[in-house]
Amino acid sequence: MPRREPKDRLIVALDVETLGQAENLLDRLRDVVTTFKVGSQLFTSAGPQVVELVQKKGGRVFLDLKYHDIPSTVAGAVREAARLGVFMLTVHASGGLAMLKAGVEARGVLGKAAPILLAVTLLTSLDRAALQRELNVPLSVEGQALHLAQLARRARLDGCVASSHEARLLRNSLGQNWVIVTPGVRPAGAERGDHARVASPEAAVGAGADYIVVGRPILEAADPARAAAAIVEAIARS
């Protein structure tokens, strides 16, 4: 795995409503953070403008729209996302092998400049009870996450999104070159929010995460830059 600086391993989730709010956060965090997640809420509100804004401010974009549709539709979405120049983007592993392969082929439109393509395994809001009772999946959370990550590797994706609870298993099973992005990261004392599977920054990195995604503990802090800097320091110590 190539060496990454601690500040490059923190991804701040721009889970806000407007472009103006995003710009305010970017201005406050740009000296501490290099990568920002743009998810469904902000992209629905602001569209590609928010990607352009992050890039204009010198940041990299993790476009986390979790594409999940028939192969041709996902291929078209991935192709357009790649043309936006994003650093990473996501598709749902549960879309199946054909869909995943279509995404890989589509992002190749940019050749060596193509973004990192990640498969979302299981949302961090899910626990074993929800997996088995609501989704009728007999495997454990760890077993299902590994199954979906292995499917993504068969399709030649670059990595996956998974909680820290599965990260060690995935790292040991899929090797050092498999990129693992871990959401649901909370510093000590922070609220869990709607995440069922959470961990501290130190625990997530120690379990094998290449990147960690943090939203509310930074966005809602009195001093977002200081909160982000503390997490970067925690990554550096791990």
Foldseek 3Di string as FASTA:
>chain_A
DDDDALQAQEEEEPPDAELVLVLVVCVQAVVRHAEYEYEDRHCVRPNLVSLVSSVVSRHAYEYEHAAADPQVVLLVVLLVVQVSQHQEYEHALVSALSNLLSSVVSQCPVPPSRHQYAHEQDAQLDAQCCCCVVVVDPDHSLVSSLVSQVSNVVSPGQAYEDALVNLLVNCVVPHLRHAYEHEQEDDPPDDSPSGPGYYHLLSSVVSPHSHYYDYCQQSVDPRNNVSSNVSSVSNVVD
